[in-house]
C-alpha atoms as a PDB file:
ATOM      1  CA  MET A   1     -66.795  -2.724  75.386  1.00  0.00           C
ATOM      2  CA  PHE A   2     -66.891  -4.572  72.171  1.00  0.00           C
ATOM      3  CA  ASP A   3     -68.408  -8.084  72.104  1.00  0.00           C
ATOM      4  CA  PHE A   4     -66.062 -10.406  70.120  1.00  0.00           C
ATOM      5  CA  SER A   5     -68.508 -13.255  70.510  1.00  0.00           C
ATOM      6  CA  LEU A   6     -70.441 -11.955  67.406  1.00  0.00           C
ATOM      7  CA  TRP A   7     -67.254 -12.555  65.262  1.00  0.00           C
ATOM      8  CA  THR A   8     -67.182 -16.159  64.572  1.00  0.00           C
ATOM      9  CA  ASN A   9     -64.723 -17.826  62.343  1.00  0.00           C
ATOM     10  CA  GLU A  10     -67.392 -17.654  59.516  1.00  0.00           C
ATOM     11  CA  ASN A  11     -67.876 -13.956  59.853  1.00  0.00           C
ATOM     12  CA  THR A  12     -64.173 -13.274  59.873  1.00  0.00           C
ATOM     13  CA  LEU A  13     -63.546 -15.367  56.800  1.00  0.00           C
ATOM     14  CA  SER A  14     -66.443 -13.613  55.044  1.00  0.00           C
ATOM     15  CA  LEU A  15     -64.941 -10.206  55.825  1.00  0.00           C
ATOM     16  CA  ILE A  16     -61.479 -11.298  54.687  1.00  0.00           C
ATOM     17  CA  ALA A  17     -62.955 -12.708  51.500  1.00  0.00           C
ATOM     18  CA  VAL A  18     -64.860  -9.485  50.753  1.00  0.00           C
ATOM     19  CA  GLY A  19     -61.663  -7.465  51.647  1.00  0.00           C
ATOM     20  CA  LEU A  20     -59.539  -9.631  49.253  1.00  0.00           C
ATOM     21  CA  ALA A  21     -62.188  -9.390  46.499  1.00  0.00           C
ATOM     22  CA  VAL A  22     -62.185  -5.592  46.800  1.00  0.00           C
ATOM     23  CA  LEU A  23     -58.350  -5.536  46.780  1.00  0.00           C
ATOM     24  CA  GLY A  24     -58.274  -7.901  43.773  1.00  0.00           C
ATOM     25  CA  GLY A  25     -60.777  -5.722  41.897  1.00  0.00           C
ATOM     26  CA  PHE A  26     -58.665  -2.712  42.572  1.00  0.00           C
ATOM     27  CA  PHE A  27     -55.545  -4.563  41.335  1.00  0.00           C
ATOM     28  CA  VAL A  28     -57.361  -5.452  38.105  1.00  0.00           C
ATOM     29  CA  VAL A  29     -58.495  -1.927  37.500  1.00  0.00           C
ATOM     30  CA  VAL A  30     -54.833  -0.696  37.960  1.00  0.00           C
ATOM     31  CA  GLN A  31     -53.536  -3.353  35.603  1.00  0.00           C
ATOM     32  CA  ILE A  32     -56.132  -2.476  32.942  1.00  0.00           C
ATOM     33  CA  ARG A  33     -55.264   1.135  33.182  1.00  0.00           C
ATOM     34  CA  GLN A  34     -51.474   0.317  32.773  1.00  0.00           C
ATOM     35  CA  GLN A  35     -52.097  -1.886  29.851  1.00  0.00           C
ATOM     36  CA  THR A  36     -54.322   0.766  28.168  1.00  0.00           C
ATOM     37  CA  LYS A  37     -51.581   3.341  28.680  1.00  0.00           C
ATOM     38  CA  ILE A  38     -48.868   1.036  27.313  1.00  0.00           C
ATOM     39  CA  SER A  39     -51.083   0.091  24.333  1.00  0.00           C
ATOM     40  CA  ARG A  40     -51.869   3.740  23.526  1.00  0.00           C
ATOM     41  CA  ALA A  41     -48.136   4.644  23.654  1.00  0.00           C
ATOM     42  CA  ASP A  42     -47.294   1.819  21.358  1.00  0.00           C
ATOM     43  CA  HIS A  43     -50.090   2.759  18.948  1.00  0.00           C
ATOM     44  CA  ASP A  44     -48.767   6.400  18.882  1.00  0.00           C
ATOM     45  CA  ARG A  45     -45.253   5.181  18.286  1.00  0.00           C
ATOM     46  CA  GLN A  46     -46.417   2.904  15.429  1.00  0.00           C
ATOM     47  CA  LYS A  47     -48.434   5.725  13.892  1.00  0.00           C
ATOM     48  CA  LYS A  48     -45.382   8.031  13.922  1.00  0.00           C
ATOM     49  CA  GLN A  49     -43.216   5.363  12.447  1.00  0.00           C
ATOM     50  CA  SER A  50     -45.664   4.551   9.710  1.00  0.00           C
ATOM     51  CA  THR A  51     -45.925   8.226   8.818  1.00  0.00           C
ATOM     52  CA  ILE A  52     -42.145   8.420   8.430  1.00  0.00           C
ATOM     53  CA  GLU A  53     -42.054   5.150   6.446  1.00  0.00           C
ATOM     54  CA  PHE A  54     -44.875   6.200   4.080  1.00  0.00           C
ATOM     55  CA  TYR A  55     -43.378   9.532   3.437  1.00  0.00           C
ATOM     56  CA  ASN A  56     -39.924   7.979   2.894  1.00  0.00           C
ATOM     57  CA  SER A  57     -41.416   5.502   0.372  1.00  0.00           C
ATOM     58  CA  LEU A  58     -43.155   8.389  -1.307  1.00  0.00           C
ATOM     59  CA  SER A  59     -39.919  10.339  -1.673  1.00  0.00           C
ATOM     60  CA  SER A  60     -37.772   7.435  -2.730  1.00  0.00           C
ATOM     61  CA  ASP A  61     -40.263   6.196  -5.336  1.00  0.00           C
ATOM     62  CA  SER A  62     -40.678   9.686  -6.798  1.00  0.00           C
ATOM     63  CA  TYR A  63     -37.219  11.216  -6.744  1.00  0.00           C
ATOM     64  CA  GLN A  64     -36.558  11.053 -10.489  1.00  0.00           C
ATOM     65  CA  PHE A  65     -40.012  12.508 -11.265  1.00  0.00           C
ATOM     66  CA  LEU A  66     -39.476  15.229  -8.772  1.00  0.00           C
ATOM     67  CA  ASP A  67     -36.068  16.047 -10.292  1.00  0.00           C
ATOM     68  CA  ASP A  68     -37.587  16.230 -13.747  1.00  0.00           C
ATOM     69  CA  ILE A  69     -40.285  18.763 -12.687  1.00  0.00           C
ATOM     70  CA  LYS A  70     -38.135  20.785 -10.278  1.00  0.00           C
ATOM     71  CA  GLY A  71     -38.943  24.494 -10.531  1.00  0.00           C
ATOM     72  CA  LYS A  72     -41.737  24.106 -13.027  1.00  0.00           C
ATOM     73  CA  ARG A  73     -45.283  25.181 -12.196  1.00  0.00           C
ATOM     74  CA  LEU A  74     -47.474  22.615 -13.738  1.00  0.00           C
ATOM     75  CA  ASN A  75     -50.702  23.261 -15.564  1.00  0.00           C
ATOM     76  CA  SER A  76     -52.960  20.926 -17.470  1.00  0.00           C
ATOM     77  CA  THR A  77     -51.604  21.903 -20.889  1.00  0.00           C
ATOM     78  CA  LEU A  78     -48.033  21.036 -19.894  1.00  0.00           C
ATOM     79  CA  VAL A  79     -48.956  17.858 -18.055  1.00  0.00           C
ATOM     80  CA  ASN A  80     -51.319  16.523 -20.759  1.00  0.00           C
ATOM     81  CA  SER A  81     -48.773  17.257 -23.447  1.00  0.00           C
ATOM     82  CA  ASP A  82     -46.564  14.410 -22.164  1.00  0.00           C
ATOM     83  CA  LYS A  83     -48.063  11.034 -21.553  1.00  0.00           C
ATOM     84  CA  ASP A  84     -45.269   9.932 -19.135  1.00  0.00           C
ATOM     85  CA  LEU A  85     -45.462  13.208 -17.276  1.00  0.00           C
ATOM     86  CA  ARG A  86     -49.135  12.952 -16.864  1.00  0.00           C
ATOM     87  CA  LYS A  87     -48.893   9.430 -15.647  1.00  0.00           C
ATOM     88  CA  SER A  88     -46.162  10.555 -13.087  1.00  0.00           C
ATOM     89  CA  VAL A  89     -48.269  13.536 -11.940  1.00  0.00           C
ATOM     90  CA  ILE A  90     -51.356  11.520 -11.343  1.00  0.00           C
ATOM     91  CA  ARG A  91     -49.446   8.753  -9.495  1.00  0.00           C
ATOM     92  CA  TYR A  92     -47.707  11.367  -7.324  1.00  0.00           C
ATOM     93  CA  LEU A  93     -50.780  13.389  -6.545  1.00  0.00           C
ATOM     94  CA  SER A  94     -52.721  10.113  -5.707  1.00  0.00           C
ATOM     95  CA  ARG A  95     -50.104   9.133  -3.257  1.00  0.00           C
ATOM     96  CA  LEU A  96     -50.065  12.629  -1.639  1.00  0.00           C
ATOM     97  CA  GLU A  97     -53.907  12.276  -1.468  1.00  0.00           C
ATOM     98  CA  ARG A  98     -53.526   8.910   0.288  1.00  0.00           C
ATOM     99  CA  LEU A  99     -51.090  10.537   2.733  1.00  0.00           C
ATOM    100  CA  ALA A 100     -53.582  13.346   3.483  1.00  0.00           C
ATOM    101  CA  ILE A 101     -56.433  10.941   3.911  1.00  0.00           C
ATOM    102  CA  GLY A 102     -54.202   8.975   6.407  1.00  0.00           C
ATOM    103  CA  VAL A 103     -53.651  12.121   8.334  1.00  0.00           C
ATOM    104  CA  ALA A 104     -57.222  13.179   8.233  1.00  0.00           C
ATOM    105  CA  THR A 105     -58.387   9.759   9.551  1.00  0.00           C
ATOM    106  CA  ASP A 106     -55.624   9.789  12.196  1.00  0.00           C
ATOM    107  CA  VAL A 107     -53.753   6.816  10.629  1.00  0.00           C
ATOM    108  CA  TYR A 108     -50.678   9.087  10.167  1.00  0.00           C
ATOM    109  CA  ASP A 109     -49.373  11.592  12.692  1.00  0.00           C
ATOM    110  CA  PHE A 110     -49.904  15.221  11.794  1.00  0.00           C
ATOM    111  CA  ASN A 111     -47.150  16.486  14.094  1.00  0.00           C
ATOM    112  CA  VAL A 112     -44.529  14.242  12.646  1.00  0.00           C
ATOM    113  CA  LEU A 113     -45.644  15.244   9.153  1.00  0.00           C
ATOM    114  CA  CYS A 114     -45.242  18.932  10.072  1.00  0.00           C
ATOM    115  CA  LEU A 115     -41.725  18.377  11.462  1.00  0.00           C
ATOM    116  CA  MET A 116     -40.586  16.387   8.501  1.00  0.00           C
ATOM    117  CA  PRO A 117     -41.914  17.609   5.098  1.00  0.00           C
ATOM    118  CA  GLY A 118     -44.563  20.174   6.205  1.00  0.00           C
ATOM    119  CA  ARG A 119     -43.127  23.142   4.285  1.00  0.00           C
ATOM    120  CA  TYR A 120     -42.144  20.894   1.379  1.00  0.00           C
ATOM    121  CA  LEU A 121     -45.722  19.624   0.981  1.00  0.00           C
ATOM    122  CA  CYS A 122     -46.952  23.217   0.885  1.00  0.00           C
ATOM    123  CA  LYS A 123     -44.452  24.070  -1.825  1.00  0.00           C
ATOM    124  CA  LYS A 124     -45.439  20.878  -3.832  1.00  0.00           C
ATOM    125  CA  TYR A 125     -49.095  21.902  -3.580  1.00  0.00           C
ATOM    126  CA  GLU A 126     -48.191  25.391  -4.969  1.00  0.00           C
ATOM    127  CA  GLN A 127     -46.385  23.726  -7.823  1.00  0.00           C
ATOM    128  CA  PHE A 128     -49.396  21.473  -8.657  1.00  0.00           C
ATOM    129  CA  GLN A 129     -52.207  23.925  -7.777  1.00  0.00           C
ATOM    130  CA  GLU A 130     -52.916  25.198 -11.195  1.00  0.00           C
ATOM    131  CA  TYR A 131     -53.058  21.638 -12.661  1.00  0.00           C
ATOM    132  CA  ILE A 132     -55.270  20.597  -9.838  1.00  0.00           C
ATOM    133  CA  LYS A 133     -57.762  23.392 -10.270  1.00  0.00           C
ATOM    134  CA  GLU A 134     -57.950  23.012 -14.083  1.00  0.00           C
ATOM    135  CA  THR A 135     -58.397  19.247 -13.719  1.00  0.00           C
ATOM    136  CA  ARG A 136     -61.156  19.622 -11.272  1.00  0.00           C
ATOM    137  CA  ILE A 137     -63.035  21.826 -13.746  1.00  0.00           C
ATOM    138  CA  SER A 138     -62.323  19.709 -16.831  1.00  0.00           C
ATOM    139  CA  LYS A 139     -63.310  16.464 -15.136  1.00  0.00           C
ATOM    140  CA  ASP A 140     -66.203  18.164 -13.181  1.00  0.00           C
ATOM    141  CA  ALA A 141     -64.628  16.632  -9.999  1.00  0.00           C
ATOM    142  CA  PRO A 142     -64.442  19.455  -7.378  1.00  0.00           C
ATOM    143  CA  MET A 143     -63.250  17.012  -4.727  1.00  0.00           C
ATOM    144  CA  LEU A 144     -60.196  15.762  -6.742  1.00  0.00           C
ATOM    145  CA  TYR A 145     -57.161  15.989  -4.466  1.00  0.00           C
ATOM    146  CA  LYS A 146     -59.187  17.902  -1.892  1.00  0.00           C
ATOM    147  CA  GLU A 147     -57.661  16.118   1.065  1.00  0.00           C
ATOM    148  CA  PHE A 148     -54.264  17.120   0.007  1.00  0.00           C
ATOM    149  CA  GLU A 149     -55.387  20.717  -0.280  1.00  0.00           C
ATOM    150  CA  LEU A 150     -56.988  20.547   3.154  1.00  0.00           C
ATOM    151  CA  LEU A 151     -53.802  19.067   4.692  1.00  0.00           C
ATOM    152  CA  VAL A 152     -51.642  21.789   3.132  1.00  0.00           C
ATOM    153  CA  ASN A 153     -54.046  24.501   4.547  1.00  0.00           C
ATOM    154  CA  ARG A 154     -53.922  22.777   7.946  1.00  0.00           C
ATOM    155  CA  ILE A 155     -50.047  22.683   7.838  1.00  0.00           C
ATOM    156  CA  GLU A 156     -49.890  26.397   6.894  1.00  0.00           C
ATOM    157  CA  LYS A 157     -52.159  27.388   9.789  1.00  0.00           C
ATOM    158  CA  TYR A 158     -50.152  25.310  12.131  1.00  0.00           C
ATOM    159  CA  ARG A 159     -46.813  26.681  10.907  1.00  0.00           C
ATOM    160  CA  GLU A 160     -48.152  30.271  11.367  1.00  0.00           C
ATOM    161  CA  LYS A 161     -49.049  29.418  15.025  1.00  0.00           C
ATOM    162  CA  TYR A 162     -45.701  27.563  15.751  1.00  0.00           C
ATOM    163  CA  PRO A 163     -43.113  29.025  13.362  1.00  0.00           C
ATOM    164  CA  ASN A 164     -40.169  27.645  15.424  1.00  0.00           C
ATOM    165  CA  GLN A 165     -40.545  24.121  16.547  1.00  0.00           C
ATOM    166  CA  ILE A 166     -38.554  21.046  17.440  1.00  0.00           C
ATOM    167  CA  ALA A 167     -39.495  17.557  18.617  1.00  0.00           C
ATOM    168  CA  ASN A 168     -39.320  16.733  22.339  1.00  0.00           C
ATOM    169  CA  LYS A 169     -38.874  13.309  23.969  1.00  0.00           C
ATOM    170  CA  LYS A 170     -42.420  12.372  23.148  1.00  0.00           C
ATOM    171  CA  THR A 171     -42.107  13.592  19.482  1.00  0.00           C
ATOM    172  CA  ARG A 172     -44.590  16.331  20.171  1.00  0.00           C
ATOM    173  CA  VAL A 173     -44.104  19.753  18.655  1.00  0.00           C
ATOM    174  CA  LYS A 174     -42.441  22.092  21.103  1.00  0.00           C
ATOM    175  CA  LYS A 175     -42.111  25.819  20.582  1.00  0.00           C
ATOM    176  CA  LEU A 176     -38.589  27.181  20.640  1.00  0.00           C
END
């Protein structure tokens, strides 16, 4: 049979200590994984919220300007003929470029942007496209508003792939 005389109190205590250390280590790993998951979910929520907030501020700050240019295809001749219009166009495009850079660097959420103003941003790019191209040439700045252009291309490809979409509980795009 088994000889219990080898198991002194010291050996038993050592085994119990090792067992508790392993159990404690396992508990720490589980806690770290849970905290990481919670932190990631909070970060994703904040990213979505900041996307909505930035876009809302862009819309509310620019509503009068957007009303003034509604239905107009803008080119450099038209924009440069009016100092206030030129200033508003540059300001608006700069903010759209910041939004696009935020999406490209994963600061803002692409899926939320597609659900909210995706098609609208594509239409705005069409409206400003001629002006952007002419300004790139005249200023010898081929990268001017490039991130905005890339974002619009990405949205259009995404919209082709998922033409009918809604947000599910996790605010992820879901095909209807």
